[in-house]
Amino acid sequence: MAAFAGLSADARVLIDQLLVKNYKLTLEDPVTLEHISRTIADLKHEFTQTTGRRPFGVSLLVGGFDPDGTPHLFITEPSGVYYELLAGSIGRNEKVVKEYLEENYNDGNVSNENLVLKLVVKALVPVVQTGARNMEISVLKRDNEGNIVQRVLLTEELEEILRQIEAETMETV
């Protein structure tokens, strides 16, 4: 799964390039998420070094599972740099979200899906104006058979999480 901030046309070009490279891949080995991120970063870096080409104006947040089931989250910058994150954010107001995650992320509050969702929503609340209607959160996980399943939270689910956060805040005051 990928999210981007910047020029959407550039994001489409990068994703199309990945699809072509994946199609041309003749090895039987599955590709790791780091390999995908490095490929994107290398292409971005190439465009910053070559004359007659405009650098890509997009940051990509790439998340998913390696073939062995290990979850990963990578970010690729327009300069061609990529790195792995435990939690991250890109785009407008990313600094506020990143600061919140840096201060509040720990193993205790990511032990189950509900706690992770609360952490994410709490990080987004200061930068999203109208609450749940302007949030889109997608959950990527493995089912019992090892298949990767993506689920986008409904507005009602987000509103319930916001109510839980508000109730917890009232209890601590």
N, C-alpha and C. Protein backbone atom coordinates (compact mmCIF):
# COMPACT_ATOMS: atom_id res chain seq x y z
N MET A 1 0.86 -1.15 0.00
CA MET A 1 0.00 0.00 0.00
C MET A 1 0.91 1.22 0.00
N ALA A 2 0.50 2.26 -0.71
CA ALA A 2 1.30 3.48 -0.76
C ALA A 2 0.39 4.69 -0.62
N ALA A 3 0.93 5.70 0.05
CA ALA A 3 0.28 7.00 0.14
C ALA A 3 1.30 8.01 -0.35
N PHE A 4 0.84 9.11 -0.91
CA PHE A 4 1.79 10.08 -1.43
C PHE A 4 1.39 11.49 -1.06
N ALA A 5 2.39 12.37 -1.07
CA ALA A 5 2.19 13.80 -0.90
C ALA A 5 3.02 14.48 -1.97
N GLY A 6 2.37 15.34 -2.73
CA GLY A 6 3.07 16.01 -3.81
C GLY A 6 2.29 15.90 -5.10
N LEU A 7 3.01 15.82 -6.18
CA LEU A 7 2.39 15.79 -7.51
C LEU A 7 1.84 14.40 -7.81
N SER A 8 0.53 14.32 -7.98
CA SER A 8 -0.10 13.01 -8.19
C SER A 8 0.34 12.36 -9.50
N ALA A 9 0.62 13.16 -10.52
CA ALA A 9 1.09 12.60 -11.78
C ALA A 9 2.44 11.91 -11.60
N ASP A 10 3.31 12.49 -10.78
CA ASP A 10 4.60 11.87 -10.50
C ASP A 10 4.42 10.56 -9.74
N ALA A 11 3.48 10.53 -8.81
CA ALA A 11 3.22 9.30 -8.06
C ALA A 11 2.75 8.20 -9.01
N ARG A 12 1.88 8.55 -9.95
CA ARG A 12 1.40 7.56 -10.92
C ARG A 12 2.54 7.01 -11.77
N VAL A 13 3.45 7.89 -12.20
CA VAL A 13 4.58 7.46 -13.02
C VAL A 13 5.45 6.48 -12.23
N LEU A 14 5.74 6.80 -10.98
CA LEU A 14 6.57 5.91 -10.16
C LEU A 14 5.91 4.56 -9.93
N ILE A 15 4.63 4.57 -9.65
CA ILE A 15 3.91 3.31 -9.42
C ILE A 15 3.83 2.50 -10.71
N ASP A 16 3.60 3.17 -11.84
CA ASP A 16 3.61 2.46 -13.13
C ASP A 16 4.97 1.83 -13.40
N GLN A 17 6.05 2.55 -13.09
CA GLN A 17 7.40 2.00 -13.26
C GLN A 17 7.58 0.73 -12.43
N LEU A 18 7.08 0.77 -11.21
CA LEU A 18 7.19 -0.41 -10.34
C LEU A 18 6.42 -1.59 -10.91
N LEU A 19 5.23 -1.32 -11.44
CA LEU A 19 4.44 -2.40 -12.02
C LEU A 19 5.15 -3.02 -13.21
N VAL A 20 5.78 -2.19 -14.05
CA VAL A 20 6.52 -2.70 -15.20
C VAL A 20 7.71 -3.53 -14.74
N LYS A 21 8.46 -3.01 -13.75
CA LYS A 21 9.63 -3.76 -13.25
C LYS A 21 9.19 -5.07 -12.61
N ASN A 22 8.09 -5.05 -11.90
CA ASN A 22 7.58 -6.27 -11.27
C ASN A 22 7.18 -7.29 -12.34
N TYR A 23 6.55 -6.81 -13.42
CA TYR A 23 6.13 -7.69 -14.49
C TYR A 23 7.35 -8.31 -15.18
N LYS A 24 8.41 -7.50 -15.34
CA LYS A 24 9.61 -7.98 -16.01
C LYS A 24 10.47 -8.86 -15.12
N LEU A 25 10.19 -8.87 -13.83
CA LEU A 25 11.00 -9.65 -12.90
C LEU A 25 10.84 -11.13 -13.22
N THR A 26 11.95 -11.77 -13.52
CA THR A 26 11.89 -13.18 -13.91
C THR A 26 12.28 -14.12 -12.78
N LEU A 27 12.72 -13.58 -11.67
CA LEU A 27 13.08 -14.42 -10.53
C LEU A 27 11.82 -14.97 -9.88
N GLU A 28 11.95 -16.11 -9.28
CA GLU A 28 10.82 -16.72 -8.59
C GLU A 28 10.68 -16.20 -7.16
N ASP A 29 11.69 -15.47 -6.68
CA ASP A 29 11.67 -14.97 -5.31
C ASP A 29 10.72 -13.79 -5.18
N PRO A 30 9.90 -13.76 -4.14
CA PRO A 30 9.05 -12.60 -3.92
C PRO A 30 9.89 -11.38 -3.54
N VAL A 31 9.40 -10.21 -3.86
CA VAL A 31 10.13 -8.97 -3.64
C VAL A 31 9.82 -8.44 -2.25
N THR A 32 10.85 -7.95 -1.55
CA THR A 32 10.65 -7.36 -0.23
C THR A 32 10.21 -5.91 -0.36
N LEU A 33 9.63 -5.39 0.69
CA LEU A 33 9.19 -4.00 0.70
C LEU A 33 10.39 -3.05 0.62
N GLU A 34 11.50 -3.44 1.22
CA GLU A 34 12.70 -2.60 1.12
C GLU A 34 13.19 -2.51 -0.32
N HIS A 35 13.14 -3.63 -1.04
CA HIS A 35 13.55 -3.61 -2.44
C HIS A 35 12.66 -2.67 -3.26
N ILE A 36 11.36 -2.72 -3.01
CA ILE A 36 10.43 -1.83 -3.71
C ILE A 36 10.76 -0.37 -3.39
N SER A 37 10.97 -0.07 -2.12
CA SER A 37 11.28 1.30 -1.70
C SER A 37 12.61 1.77 -2.29
N ARG A 38 13.60 0.90 -2.30
CA ARG A 38 14.90 1.25 -2.86
C ARG A 38 14.78 1.51 -4.36
N THR A 39 13.98 0.72 -5.06
CA THR A 39 13.78 0.92 -6.50
C THR A 39 13.16 2.29 -6.76
N ILE A 40 12.16 2.66 -5.98
CA ILE A 40 11.54 3.98 -6.12
C ILE A 40 12.57 5.07 -5.85
N ALA A 41 13.32 4.92 -4.76
CA ALA A 41 14.31 5.92 -4.37
C ALA A 41 15.41 6.05 -5.44
N ASP A 42 15.86 4.93 -5.99
CA ASP A 42 16.89 4.97 -7.03
C ASP A 42 16.40 5.72 -8.26
N LEU A 43 15.16 5.47 -8.64
CA LEU A 43 14.59 6.17 -9.80
C LEU A 43 14.48 7.67 -9.53
N LYS A 44 14.03 8.03 -8.33
CA LYS A 44 13.95 9.44 -7.96
C LYS A 44 15.33 10.08 -7.99
N HIS A 45 16.31 9.39 -7.43
CA HIS A 45 17.68 9.92 -7.39
C HIS A 45 18.23 10.10 -8.80
N GLU A 46 17.96 9.14 -9.67
CA GLU A 46 18.42 9.23 -11.06
C GLU A 46 17.88 10.49 -11.73
N PHE A 47 16.63 10.82 -11.45
CA PHE A 47 16.02 12.00 -12.06
C PHE A 47 16.56 13.30 -11.47
N THR A 48 17.15 13.26 -10.28
CA THR A 48 17.77 14.48 -9.74
C THR A 48 19.16 14.69 -10.32
N GLN A 49 19.78 13.64 -10.87
CA GLN A 49 21.15 13.71 -11.38
C GLN A 49 21.24 13.91 -12.89
N THR A 50 20.18 13.64 -13.60
CA THR A 50 20.20 13.65 -15.06
C THR A 50 19.72 15.00 -15.58
N THR A 51 20.45 15.55 -16.55
CA THR A 51 20.02 16.81 -17.15
C THR A 51 18.86 16.54 -18.10
N GLY A 52 18.03 17.53 -18.27
CA GLY A 52 16.90 17.40 -19.17
C GLY A 52 15.70 16.70 -18.56
N ARG A 53 15.81 16.33 -17.31
CA ARG A 53 14.70 15.67 -16.62
C ARG A 53 14.38 16.44 -15.35
N ARG A 54 13.11 16.55 -15.07
CA ARG A 54 12.67 17.21 -13.85
C ARG A 54 12.62 16.18 -12.73
N PRO A 55 13.16 16.53 -11.55
CA PRO A 55 13.06 15.59 -10.42
C PRO A 55 11.59 15.32 -10.06
N PHE A 56 11.34 14.16 -9.52
CA PHE A 56 9.99 13.83 -9.08
C PHE A 56 9.62 14.68 -7.87
N GLY A 57 8.46 15.26 -7.89
CA GLY A 57 8.00 16.11 -6.80
C GLY A 57 6.99 15.39 -5.93
N VAL A 58 7.39 14.26 -5.39
CA VAL A 58 6.45 13.48 -4.59
C VAL A 58 7.21 12.67 -3.54
N SER A 59 6.63 12.61 -2.35
CA SER A 59 7.11 11.71 -1.30
C SER A 59 6.13 10.55 -1.22
N LEU A 60 6.66 9.36 -1.05
CA LEU A 60 5.81 8.17 -0.95
C LEU A 60 6.01 7.51 0.40
N LEU A 61 4.92 7.12 1.00
CA LEU A 61 4.92 6.32 2.22
C LEU A 61 4.47 4.93 1.78
N VAL A 62 5.36 3.95 1.88
CA VAL A 62 5.10 2.61 1.37
C VAL A 62 5.03 1.64 2.55
N GLY A 63 3.90 0.97 2.71
CA GLY A 63 3.73 0.04 3.81
C GLY A 63 3.24 -1.30 3.33
N GLY A 64 3.56 -2.32 4.08
CA GLY A 64 3.09 -3.65 3.73
C GLY A 64 3.85 -4.72 4.48
N PHE A 65 3.79 -5.93 3.93
CA PHE A 65 4.41 -7.09 4.56
C PHE A 65 5.43 -7.71 3.61
N ASP A 66 6.54 -8.15 4.17
CA ASP A 66 7.50 -8.93 3.41
C ASP A 66 6.95 -10.34 3.25
N PRO A 67 7.54 -11.13 2.35
CA PRO A 67 7.06 -12.51 2.16
C PRO A 67 7.07 -13.35 3.44
N ASP A 68 7.95 -13.01 4.39
CA ASP A 68 7.99 -13.77 5.65
C ASP A 68 6.96 -13.28 6.67
N GLY A 69 6.16 -12.26 6.30
CA GLY A 69 5.10 -11.77 7.18
C GLY A 69 5.48 -10.58 8.03
N THR A 70 6.72 -10.10 7.92
CA THR A 70 7.17 -8.96 8.72
C THR A 70 6.60 -7.66 8.16
N PRO A 71 5.94 -6.85 9.01
CA PRO A 71 5.41 -5.57 8.52
C PRO A 71 6.53 -4.52 8.43
N HIS A 72 6.43 -3.65 7.43
CA HIS A 72 7.41 -2.58 7.24
C HIS A 72 6.70 -1.31 6.77
N LEU A 73 7.31 -0.18 7.07
CA LEU A 73 6.84 1.12 6.60
C LEU A 73 8.07 1.91 6.17
N PHE A 74 8.11 2.31 4.90
CA PHE A 74 9.22 3.07 4.36
C PHE A 74 8.71 4.40 3.81
N ILE A 75 9.59 5.40 3.81
CA ILE A 75 9.29 6.66 3.16
C ILE A 75 10.38 6.91 2.12
N THR A 76 9.98 7.39 0.95
CA THR A 76 10.95 7.80 -0.06
C THR A 76 10.76 9.30 -0.29
N GLU A 77 11.86 10.02 -0.23
CA GLU A 77 11.84 11.48 -0.41
C GLU A 77 12.10 11.82 -1.88
N PRO A 78 11.72 13.03 -2.32
CA PRO A 78 11.97 13.43 -3.71
C PRO A 78 13.45 13.39 -4.10
N SER A 79 14.35 13.54 -3.14
CA SER A 79 15.79 13.54 -3.42
C SER A 79 16.33 12.15 -3.76
N GLY A 80 15.57 11.12 -3.44
CA GLY A 80 16.03 9.75 -3.67
C GLY A 80 16.45 9.04 -2.40
N VAL A 81 16.24 9.67 -1.27
CA VAL A 81 16.56 9.05 0.01
C VAL A 81 15.36 8.22 0.45
N TYR A 82 15.63 7.05 1.03
CA TYR A 82 14.55 6.26 1.61
C TYR A 82 15.00 5.73 2.96
N TYR A 83 14.05 5.53 3.86
CA TYR A 83 14.37 4.99 5.17
C TYR A 83 13.12 4.35 5.76
N GLU A 84 13.37 3.47 6.75
CA GLU A 84 12.27 2.74 7.39
C GLU A 84 11.81 3.48 8.64
N LEU A 85 10.51 3.41 8.90
CA LEU A 85 9.90 4.07 10.05
C LEU A 85 9.10 3.06 10.88
N LEU A 86 8.88 3.38 12.14
CA LEU A 86 7.92 2.63 12.95
C LEU A 86 6.53 3.21 12.75
N ALA A 87 6.47 4.53 12.64
CA ALA A 87 5.22 5.26 12.38
C ALA A 87 5.62 6.54 11.67
N GLY A 88 4.80 7.01 10.76
CA GLY A 88 5.20 8.20 10.02
C GLY A 88 4.05 8.93 9.39
N SER A 89 4.41 10.04 8.76
CA SER A 89 3.43 10.92 8.16
C SER A 89 4.11 11.69 7.03
N ILE A 90 3.35 12.01 5.99
CA ILE A 90 3.86 12.87 4.93
C ILE A 90 2.77 13.87 4.58
N GLY A 91 3.17 14.96 3.96
CA GLY A 91 2.20 15.94 3.48
C GLY A 91 2.08 17.14 4.38
N ARG A 92 1.02 17.91 4.13
CA ARG A 92 0.76 19.11 4.90
C ARG A 92 0.59 18.75 6.38
N ASN A 93 1.17 19.54 7.24
CA ASN A 93 1.11 19.35 8.69
C ASN A 93 1.77 18.06 9.17
N GLU A 94 2.65 17.49 8.35
CA GLU A 94 3.31 16.24 8.77
C GLU A 94 4.14 16.44 10.03
N LYS A 95 4.67 17.63 10.22
CA LYS A 95 5.51 17.88 11.40
C LYS A 95 4.72 17.69 12.69
N VAL A 96 3.49 18.21 12.72
CA VAL A 96 2.65 18.08 13.92
C VAL A 96 2.36 16.61 14.21
N VAL A 97 2.01 15.88 13.17
CA VAL A 97 1.69 14.45 13.33
C VAL A 97 2.93 13.67 13.76
N LYS A 98 4.07 13.94 13.11
CA LYS A 98 5.30 13.23 13.46
C LYS A 98 5.71 13.51 14.90
N GLU A 99 5.59 14.77 15.33
CA GLU A 99 5.95 15.11 16.71
C GLU A 99 5.06 14.36 17.70
N TYR A 100 3.77 14.29 17.39
CA TYR A 100 2.86 13.55 18.28
C TYR A 100 3.26 12.07 18.34
N LEU A 101 3.53 11.48 17.18
CA LEU A 101 3.90 10.07 17.15
C LEU A 101 5.22 9.81 17.87
N GLU A 102 6.19 10.72 17.70
CA GLU A 102 7.47 10.56 18.39
C GLU A 102 7.30 10.59 19.91
N GLU A 103 6.42 11.45 20.38
CA GLU A 103 6.20 11.59 21.83
C GLU A 103 5.36 10.45 22.41
N ASN A 104 4.45 9.90 21.62
CA ASN A 104 3.45 8.98 22.18
C ASN A 104 3.55 7.54 21.70
N TYR A 105 4.36 7.26 20.70
CA TYR A 105 4.48 5.88 20.21
C TYR A 105 5.31 5.06 21.19
N ASN A 106 4.78 3.93 21.60
CA ASN A 106 5.54 2.95 22.39
C ASN A 106 4.91 1.58 22.18
N ASP A 107 5.62 0.55 22.60
CA ASP A 107 5.13 -0.82 22.39
C ASP A 107 3.80 -1.07 23.07
N GLY A 108 3.54 -0.37 24.17
CA GLY A 108 2.29 -0.57 24.91
C GLY A 108 1.06 -0.08 24.17
N ASN A 109 1.20 1.01 23.40
CA ASN A 109 0.01 1.53 22.73
C ASN A 109 -0.12 1.08 21.27
N VAL A 110 0.65 0.07 20.89
CA VAL A 110 0.48 -0.53 19.57
C VAL A 110 0.33 -2.05 19.66
N SER A 111 -0.12 -2.52 20.83
CA SER A 111 -0.23 -3.96 21.05
C SER A 111 -1.47 -4.59 20.41
N ASN A 112 -2.48 -3.77 20.11
CA ASN A 112 -3.65 -4.30 19.39
C ASN A 112 -4.20 -3.22 18.46
N GLU A 113 -5.06 -3.64 17.54
CA GLU A 113 -5.55 -2.74 16.49
C GLU A 113 -6.28 -1.53 17.06
N ASN A 114 -7.10 -1.71 18.08
CA ASN A 114 -7.85 -0.60 18.65
C ASN A 114 -6.92 0.48 19.21
N LEU A 115 -5.86 0.06 19.91
CA LEU A 115 -4.91 1.03 20.46
C LEU A 115 -4.16 1.77 19.36
N VAL A 116 -3.80 1.05 18.30
CA VAL A 116 -3.12 1.68 17.17
C VAL A 116 -4.02 2.72 16.52
N LEU A 117 -5.29 2.36 16.32
CA LEU A 117 -6.23 3.30 15.70
C LEU A 117 -6.42 4.54 16.56
N LYS A 118 -6.49 4.37 17.87
CA LYS A 118 -6.60 5.53 18.76
C LYS A 118 -5.37 6.42 18.64
N LEU A 119 -4.20 5.82 18.60
CA LEU A 119 -2.96 6.59 18.45
C LEU A 119 -2.97 7.39 17.15
N VAL A 120 -3.37 6.75 16.07
CA VAL A 120 -3.41 7.41 14.76
C VAL A 120 -4.41 8.56 14.77
N VAL A 121 -5.60 8.31 15.28
CA VAL A 121 -6.64 9.36 15.30
C VAL A 121 -6.20 10.52 16.20
N LYS A 122 -5.61 10.22 17.35
CA LYS A 122 -5.12 11.29 18.23
C LYS A 122 -4.06 12.13 17.53
N ALA A 123 -3.23 11.50 16.71
CA ALA A 123 -2.21 12.23 15.97
C ALA A 123 -2.82 13.12 14.89
N LEU A 124 -3.94 12.68 14.32
CA LEU A 124 -4.57 13.42 13.23
C LEU A 124 -5.51 14.54 13.69
N VAL A 125 -6.08 14.40 14.88
CA VAL A 125 -7.09 15.36 15.36
C VAL A 125 -6.61 16.81 15.28
N PRO A 126 -5.38 17.15 15.68
CA PRO A 126 -4.98 18.56 15.63
C PRO A 126 -4.88 19.14 14.21
N VAL A 127 -4.77 18.30 13.20
CA VAL A 127 -4.57 18.82 11.84
C VAL A 127 -5.76 18.60 10.91
N VAL A 128 -6.77 17.87 11.37
CA VAL A 128 -7.97 17.64 10.56
C VAL A 128 -9.09 18.50 11.11
N GLN A 129 -9.65 19.35 10.25
CA GLN A 129 -10.61 20.35 10.71
C GLN A 129 -11.94 19.78 11.18
N THR A 130 -12.56 18.94 10.41
CA THR A 130 -13.94 18.55 10.72
C THR A 130 -14.07 17.11 11.19
N GLY A 131 -13.09 16.62 11.88
CA GLY A 131 -13.20 15.30 12.49
C GLY A 131 -13.23 14.15 11.51
N ALA A 132 -14.06 13.18 11.81
CA ALA A 132 -14.08 11.90 11.09
C ALA A 132 -14.41 12.03 9.61
N ARG A 133 -15.17 13.04 9.23
CA ARG A 133 -15.56 13.16 7.82
C ARG A 133 -14.37 13.43 6.91
N ASN A 134 -13.31 14.03 7.43
CA ASN A 134 -12.13 14.33 6.61
C ASN A 134 -10.95 13.42 6.90
N MET A 135 -11.20 12.30 7.54
CA MET A 135 -10.14 11.31 7.79
C MET A 135 -10.40 10.08 6.94
N GLU A 136 -9.33 9.53 6.42
CA GLU A 136 -9.42 8.23 5.76
C GLU A 136 -8.28 7.38 6.30
N ILE A 137 -8.63 6.32 6.98
CA ILE A 137 -7.64 5.44 7.60
C ILE A 137 -7.85 4.04 7.04
N SER A 138 -6.76 3.47 6.60
CA SER A 138 -6.78 2.13 6.03
C SER A 138 -5.94 1.21 6.92
N VAL A 139 -6.47 0.03 7.19
CA VAL A 139 -5.77 -0.96 8.01
C VAL A 139 -5.33 -2.10 7.10
N LEU A 140 -4.06 -2.45 7.19
CA LEU A 140 -3.50 -3.53 6.41
C LEU A 140 -3.02 -4.59 7.39
N LYS A 141 -3.54 -5.81 7.25
CA LYS A 141 -3.11 -6.88 8.16
C LYS A 141 -3.23 -8.23 7.47
N ARG A 142 -2.69 -9.23 8.13
CA ARG A 142 -2.77 -10.60 7.61
C ARG A 142 -3.92 -11.32 8.30
N ASP A 143 -4.65 -12.12 7.51
CA ASP A 143 -5.71 -12.93 8.11
C ASP A 143 -5.13 -14.25 8.60
N ASN A 144 -5.99 -15.14 9.07
CA ASN A 144 -5.54 -16.43 9.64
C ASN A 144 -4.84 -17.32 8.62
N GLU A 145 -5.13 -17.12 7.34
CA GLU A 145 -4.52 -17.93 6.29
C GLU A 145 -3.25 -17.30 5.73
N GLY A 146 -2.87 -16.13 6.25
CA GLY A 146 -1.65 -15.46 5.79
C GLY A 146 -1.87 -14.50 4.64
N ASN A 147 -3.11 -14.34 4.20
CA ASN A 147 -3.40 -13.40 3.12
C ASN A 147 -3.42 -11.97 3.66
N ILE A 148 -2.98 -11.03 2.83
CA ILE A 148 -2.99 -9.63 3.23
C ILE A 148 -4.37 -9.06 2.95
N VAL A 149 -4.95 -8.42 3.96
CA VAL A 149 -6.30 -7.86 3.86
C VAL A 149 -6.22 -6.37 4.16
N GLN A 150 -6.83 -5.57 3.29
CA GLN A 150 -6.90 -4.13 3.51
C GLN A 150 -8.34 -3.75 3.84
N ARG A 151 -8.49 -2.89 4.83
CA ARG A 151 -9.82 -2.44 5.22
C ARG A 151 -9.76 -0.94 5.47
N VAL A 152 -10.67 -0.21 4.83
CA VAL A 152 -10.78 1.23 5.05
C VAL A 152 -11.86 1.44 6.10
N LEU A 153 -11.53 2.19 7.15
CA LEU A 153 -12.48 2.43 8.22
C LEU A 153 -13.64 3.30 7.74
N LEU A 154 -14.82 2.95 8.17
CA LEU A 154 -16.01 3.74 7.86
C LEU A 154 -16.04 4.98 8.74
N THR A 155 -16.76 6.00 8.30
CA THR A 155 -16.89 7.23 9.08
C THR A 155 -17.46 6.94 10.46
N GLU A 156 -18.40 6.00 10.54
CA GLU A 156 -19.00 5.65 11.83
C GLU A 156 -17.95 5.07 12.78
N GLU A 157 -17.06 4.25 12.25
CA GLU A 157 -15.99 3.68 13.08
C GLU A 157 -15.07 4.77 13.61
N LEU A 158 -14.73 5.71 12.74
CA LEU A 158 -13.87 6.82 13.15
C LEU A 158 -14.55 7.70 14.19
N GLU A 159 -15.85 7.93 14.01
CA GLU A 159 -16.60 8.73 15.00
C GLU A 159 -16.62 8.03 16.35
N GLU A 160 -16.74 6.70 16.36
CA GLU A 160 -16.72 5.95 17.61
C GLU A 160 -15.36 6.06 18.29
N ILE A 161 -14.29 5.98 17.52
CA ILE A 161 -12.94 6.14 18.09
C ILE A 161 -12.79 7.54 18.66
N LEU A 162 -13.30 8.55 17.96
CA LEU A 162 -13.24 9.93 18.47
C LEU A 162 -14.02 10.06 19.78
N ARG A 163 -15.18 9.40 19.87
CA ARG A 163 -15.95 9.42 21.13
C ARG A 163 -15.17 8.77 22.27
N GLN A 164 -14.52 7.64 21.98
CA GLN A 164 -13.71 6.96 23.00
C GLN A 164 -12.57 7.86 23.48
N ILE A 165 -11.92 8.53 22.55
CA ILE A 165 -10.82 9.44 22.90
C ILE A 165 -11.33 10.58 23.76
N GLU A 166 -12.48 11.14 23.36
CA GLU A 166 -13.07 12.24 24.12
C GLU A 166 -13.44 11.79 25.54
N ALA A 167 -14.01 10.59 25.66
CA ALA A 167 -14.39 10.06 26.98
C ALA A 167 -13.14 9.85 27.85
N GLU A 168 -12.07 9.32 27.26
CA GLU A 168 -10.82 9.13 28.01
C GLU A 168 -10.24 10.47 28.46
N THR A 169 -10.35 11.48 27.60
CA THR A 169 -9.85 12.81 27.94
C THR A 169 -10.64 13.40 29.09
N MET A 170 -11.96 13.21 29.09
CA MET A 170 -12.82 13.73 30.17
C MET A 170 -12.50 13.04 31.49
N GLU A 171 -12.19 11.73 31.44
CA GLU A 171 -11.86 10.99 32.66
C GLU A 171 -10.57 11.49 33.30
N THR A 172 -9.61 11.88 32.48
CA THR A 172 -8.32 12.32 33.01
C THR A 172 -8.36 13.76 33.52
N VAL A 173 -9.38 14.52 33.12
CA VAL A 173 -9.47 15.92 33.56
C VAL A 173 -10.09 16.06 34.89
